[in-house]
């Protein structure tokens, strides 16, 4: 694993990739989902949900460009992790 940062949530401390736009709670959810044996259709639904959310952010002209970039980068990070879940 590359460089990490220590994040704390209600379940404790976790090492999160330093470049990730998400935190400990999201990483814990990914870890739980990937080890739970949940079928692939759920990971595909999660991916579709985040694609829809990203599209909504892009369509909403209210966001400033810096905030838009941060949000869409976070969605891309999450979709990358979800896509890597076992199918």
N, C-alpha and C. Protein backbone atom coordinates (compact mmCIF):
# COMPACT_ATOMS: atom_id res chain seq x y z
N UNK A 1 0.86 -1.19 0.00
CA UNK A 1 0.00 0.00 0.00
C UNK A 1 0.89 1.23 0.00
N UNK A 2 0.44 2.29 -0.69
CA UNK A 2 1.18 3.54 -0.74
C UNK A 2 1.04 4.34 0.54
N UNK A 3 1.21 5.62 0.44
CA UNK A 3 1.10 6.49 1.61
C UNK A 3 -0.34 6.50 2.12
N UNK A 4 -0.47 6.55 3.44
CA UNK A 4 -1.79 6.56 4.05
C UNK A 4 -1.89 7.67 5.08
N UNK A 5 -3.12 7.91 5.48
CA UNK A 5 -3.37 8.83 6.59
C UNK A 5 -4.27 8.09 7.58
N UNK A 6 -4.17 8.44 8.84
CA UNK A 6 -4.97 7.81 9.88
C UNK A 6 -6.29 8.57 10.02
N UNK A 7 -7.40 7.85 9.87
CA UNK A 7 -8.74 8.42 10.00
C UNK A 7 -9.44 7.73 11.16
N UNK A 8 -10.28 8.45 11.86
CA UNK A 8 -11.01 7.89 12.99
C UNK A 8 -12.51 8.08 12.77
N UNK A 9 -13.27 7.02 13.02
CA UNK A 9 -14.73 7.13 13.00
C UNK A 9 -15.27 6.39 14.21
N UNK A 10 -16.56 6.15 14.24
CA UNK A 10 -17.17 5.53 15.43
C UNK A 10 -16.73 4.09 15.63
N UNK A 11 -16.15 3.46 14.61
CA UNK A 11 -15.69 2.08 14.73
C UNK A 11 -14.20 1.99 15.06
N UNK A 12 -13.53 3.11 15.12
CA UNK A 12 -12.11 3.11 15.48
C UNK A 12 -11.26 3.78 14.42
N UNK A 13 -9.98 3.42 14.42
CA UNK A 13 -9.02 4.03 13.51
C UNK A 13 -8.79 3.14 12.29
N UNK A 14 -8.53 3.78 11.16
CA UNK A 14 -8.22 3.06 9.92
C UNK A 14 -7.16 3.83 9.16
N UNK A 15 -6.39 3.10 8.39
CA UNK A 15 -5.44 3.71 7.47
C UNK A 15 -6.14 3.86 6.12
N UNK A 16 -6.24 5.09 5.65
CA UNK A 16 -6.91 5.41 4.39
C UNK A 16 -5.84 5.92 3.42
N UNK A 17 -5.89 5.51 2.15
CA UNK A 17 -4.92 6.04 1.19
C UNK A 17 -4.90 7.57 1.24
N UNK A 18 -3.71 8.14 1.27
CA UNK A 18 -3.60 9.59 1.47
C UNK A 18 -4.27 10.39 0.37
N UNK A 19 -4.32 9.86 -0.85
CA UNK A 19 -4.92 10.61 -1.96
C UNK A 19 -6.43 10.44 -2.04
N UNK A 20 -7.00 9.54 -1.24
CA UNK A 20 -8.44 9.27 -1.30
C UNK A 20 -9.25 10.46 -0.80
N UNK A 21 -10.39 10.69 -1.47
CA UNK A 21 -11.29 11.78 -1.09
C UNK A 21 -12.34 11.31 -0.09
N UNK A 22 -12.26 10.07 0.34
CA UNK A 22 -13.21 9.52 1.31
C UNK A 22 -12.47 9.24 2.62
N UNK A 23 -13.24 8.89 3.65
CA UNK A 23 -12.67 8.69 4.97
C UNK A 23 -12.84 7.28 5.49
N UNK A 24 -12.65 7.13 6.79
CA UNK A 24 -12.67 5.83 7.45
C UNK A 24 -14.01 5.13 7.33
N UNK A 25 -15.10 5.85 7.45
CA UNK A 25 -16.42 5.22 7.41
C UNK A 25 -16.68 4.59 6.04
N UNK A 26 -16.34 5.30 4.98
CA UNK A 26 -16.53 4.76 3.64
C UNK A 26 -15.63 3.55 3.41
N UNK A 27 -14.37 3.63 3.83
CA UNK A 27 -13.46 2.51 3.66
C UNK A 27 -13.93 1.29 4.45
N UNK A 28 -14.44 1.51 5.65
CA UNK A 28 -14.98 0.41 6.45
C UNK A 28 -16.15 -0.25 5.73
N UNK A 29 -17.01 0.55 5.13
CA UNK A 29 -18.15 0.00 4.39
C UNK A 29 -17.67 -0.83 3.21
N UNK A 30 -16.66 -0.35 2.48
CA UNK A 30 -16.12 -1.11 1.36
C UNK A 30 -15.55 -2.44 1.84
N UNK A 31 -14.79 -2.39 2.94
CA UNK A 31 -14.20 -3.62 3.47
C UNK A 31 -15.27 -4.60 3.90
N UNK A 32 -16.30 -4.10 4.55
CA UNK A 32 -17.39 -4.98 4.98
C UNK A 32 -18.11 -5.59 3.79
N UNK A 33 -18.36 -4.78 2.77
CA UNK A 33 -19.08 -5.25 1.60
C UNK A 33 -18.27 -6.29 0.84
N UNK A 34 -16.96 -6.08 0.72
CA UNK A 34 -16.14 -7.01 -0.05
C UNK A 34 -15.95 -8.34 0.65
N UNK A 35 -16.07 -8.39 1.97
CA UNK A 35 -15.89 -9.65 2.70
C UNK A 35 -17.21 -10.30 3.08
N UNK A 36 -18.32 -9.65 2.75
CA UNK A 36 -19.62 -10.14 3.20
C UNK A 36 -20.21 -11.23 2.31
N UNK A 37 -19.67 -11.37 1.11
CA UNK A 37 -20.24 -12.34 0.19
C UNK A 37 -21.49 -11.84 -0.51
N UNK A 38 -21.75 -10.55 -0.42
CA UNK A 38 -22.92 -9.97 -1.09
C UNK A 38 -22.75 -10.12 -2.58
N UNK A 39 -23.79 -10.48 -3.25
CA UNK A 39 -23.71 -10.76 -4.67
C UNK A 39 -23.38 -9.52 -5.49
N UNK A 40 -22.97 -9.77 -6.71
CA UNK A 40 -22.49 -8.69 -7.57
C UNK A 40 -23.56 -7.66 -7.90
N UNK A 41 -24.84 -8.06 -7.91
CA UNK A 41 -25.85 -7.08 -8.32
C UNK A 41 -25.89 -5.89 -7.36
N UNK A 42 -25.55 -6.10 -6.09
CA UNK A 42 -25.54 -4.99 -5.14
C UNK A 42 -24.40 -4.04 -5.46
N UNK A 43 -23.21 -4.56 -5.74
CA UNK A 43 -22.10 -3.67 -6.07
C UNK A 43 -22.39 -2.91 -7.36
N UNK A 44 -23.09 -3.55 -8.31
CA UNK A 44 -23.46 -2.86 -9.54
C UNK A 44 -24.48 -1.76 -9.26
N UNK A 45 -25.39 -1.99 -8.33
CA UNK A 45 -26.36 -0.95 -7.96
C UNK A 45 -25.67 0.22 -7.28
N UNK A 46 -24.72 -0.07 -6.40
CA UNK A 46 -23.97 1.00 -5.73
C UNK A 46 -23.23 1.82 -6.78
N UNK A 47 -22.59 1.15 -7.71
CA UNK A 47 -21.87 1.85 -8.77
C UNK A 47 -22.82 2.74 -9.56
N UNK A 48 -23.98 2.21 -9.92
CA UNK A 48 -24.96 2.99 -10.67
C UNK A 48 -25.46 4.18 -9.87
N UNK A 49 -25.66 3.99 -8.58
CA UNK A 49 -26.11 5.10 -7.72
C UNK A 49 -25.09 6.23 -7.73
N UNK A 50 -23.81 5.89 -7.58
CA UNK A 50 -22.80 6.94 -7.56
C UNK A 50 -22.60 7.59 -8.92
N UNK A 51 -22.81 6.84 -9.98
CA UNK A 51 -22.76 7.45 -11.32
C UNK A 51 -23.90 8.46 -11.46
N UNK A 52 -25.08 8.12 -10.96
CA UNK A 52 -26.22 9.05 -11.02
C UNK A 52 -25.96 10.28 -10.16
N UNK A 53 -25.38 10.07 -8.98
CA UNK A 53 -25.07 11.21 -8.11
C UNK A 53 -24.04 12.13 -8.76
N UNK A 54 -23.03 11.53 -9.38
CA UNK A 54 -22.03 12.34 -10.07
C UNK A 54 -22.67 13.14 -11.19
N UNK A 55 -23.55 12.52 -11.95
CA UNK A 55 -24.23 13.22 -13.04
C UNK A 55 -25.05 14.40 -12.50
N UNK A 56 -25.69 14.19 -11.35
CA UNK A 56 -26.47 15.28 -10.75
C UNK A 56 -25.58 16.44 -10.34
N UNK A 57 -24.42 16.13 -9.79
CA UNK A 57 -23.49 17.18 -9.40
C UNK A 57 -23.01 17.95 -10.63
N UNK A 58 -22.68 17.21 -11.68
CA UNK A 58 -22.21 17.87 -12.90
C UNK A 58 -23.30 18.75 -13.52
N UNK A 59 -24.54 18.32 -13.40
CA UNK A 59 -25.65 19.09 -13.97
C UNK A 59 -26.02 20.31 -13.14
N UNK A 60 -25.61 20.32 -11.89
CA UNK A 60 -25.98 21.41 -11.00
C UNK A 60 -24.94 22.52 -11.09
N UNK A 61 -25.30 23.62 -11.72
CA UNK A 61 -24.35 24.71 -11.95
C UNK A 61 -24.09 25.55 -10.71
N UNK A 62 -24.71 25.21 -9.57
CA UNK A 62 -24.55 26.00 -8.36
C UNK A 62 -23.15 25.82 -7.77
N UNK A 63 -22.55 24.63 -7.97
CA UNK A 63 -21.26 24.36 -7.36
C UNK A 63 -20.16 25.18 -7.99
N UNK A 64 -19.25 25.64 -7.17
CA UNK A 64 -18.07 26.31 -7.68
C UNK A 64 -17.16 25.25 -8.28
N UNK A 65 -16.29 25.63 -9.19
CA UNK A 65 -15.48 24.65 -9.91
C UNK A 65 -14.58 23.83 -8.98
N UNK A 66 -14.00 24.44 -7.95
CA UNK A 66 -13.13 23.69 -7.04
C UNK A 66 -13.93 22.63 -6.28
N UNK A 67 -15.11 23.01 -5.81
CA UNK A 67 -15.95 22.05 -5.09
C UNK A 67 -16.44 20.96 -6.03
N UNK A 68 -16.79 21.33 -7.25
CA UNK A 68 -17.23 20.36 -8.24
C UNK A 68 -16.14 19.32 -8.50
N UNK A 69 -14.91 19.77 -8.63
CA UNK A 69 -13.78 18.87 -8.86
C UNK A 69 -13.60 17.92 -7.68
N UNK A 70 -13.68 18.43 -6.46
CA UNK A 70 -13.53 17.58 -5.28
C UNK A 70 -14.62 16.52 -5.21
N UNK A 71 -15.85 16.92 -5.46
CA UNK A 71 -16.98 15.99 -5.38
C UNK A 71 -16.88 14.93 -6.46
N UNK A 72 -16.62 15.33 -7.69
CA UNK A 72 -16.56 14.34 -8.77
C UNK A 72 -15.35 13.42 -8.61
N UNK A 73 -14.25 13.92 -8.07
CA UNK A 73 -13.09 13.05 -7.79
C UNK A 73 -13.44 12.03 -6.73
N UNK A 74 -14.16 12.45 -5.70
CA UNK A 74 -14.57 11.51 -4.65
C UNK A 74 -15.49 10.44 -5.22
N UNK A 75 -16.44 10.82 -6.06
CA UNK A 75 -17.33 9.84 -6.69
C UNK A 75 -16.53 8.87 -7.57
N UNK A 76 -15.55 9.39 -8.32
CA UNK A 76 -14.72 8.52 -9.15
C UNK A 76 -13.95 7.52 -8.28
N UNK A 77 -13.41 8.00 -7.15
CA UNK A 77 -12.68 7.11 -6.22
C UNK A 77 -13.60 6.00 -5.71
N UNK A 78 -14.79 6.38 -5.30
CA UNK A 78 -15.74 5.39 -4.76
C UNK A 78 -16.14 4.39 -5.85
N UNK A 79 -16.42 4.86 -7.05
CA UNK A 79 -16.79 3.96 -8.13
C UNK A 79 -15.65 3.00 -8.47
N UNK A 80 -14.41 3.46 -8.39
CA UNK A 80 -13.26 2.60 -8.64
C UNK A 80 -13.20 1.48 -7.62
N UNK A 81 -13.41 1.82 -6.35
CA UNK A 81 -13.36 0.80 -5.30
C UNK A 81 -14.53 -0.17 -5.45
N UNK A 82 -15.72 0.34 -5.70
CA UNK A 82 -16.90 -0.52 -5.83
C UNK A 82 -16.73 -1.46 -7.03
N UNK A 83 -16.18 -0.96 -8.12
CA UNK A 83 -15.97 -1.78 -9.30
C UNK A 83 -15.00 -2.92 -9.01
N UNK A 84 -14.08 -2.71 -8.08
CA UNK A 84 -13.09 -3.73 -7.75
C UNK A 84 -13.62 -4.80 -6.79
N UNK A 85 -14.83 -4.60 -6.27
CA UNK A 85 -15.40 -5.60 -5.35
C UNK A 85 -15.63 -6.91 -6.09
N UNK A 86 -15.55 -8.03 -5.36
CA UNK A 86 -15.78 -9.33 -6.00
C UNK A 86 -17.16 -9.39 -6.65
N UNK A 87 -17.26 -10.01 -7.77
CA UNK A 87 -18.52 -10.15 -8.49
C UNK A 87 -18.92 -11.59 -8.56
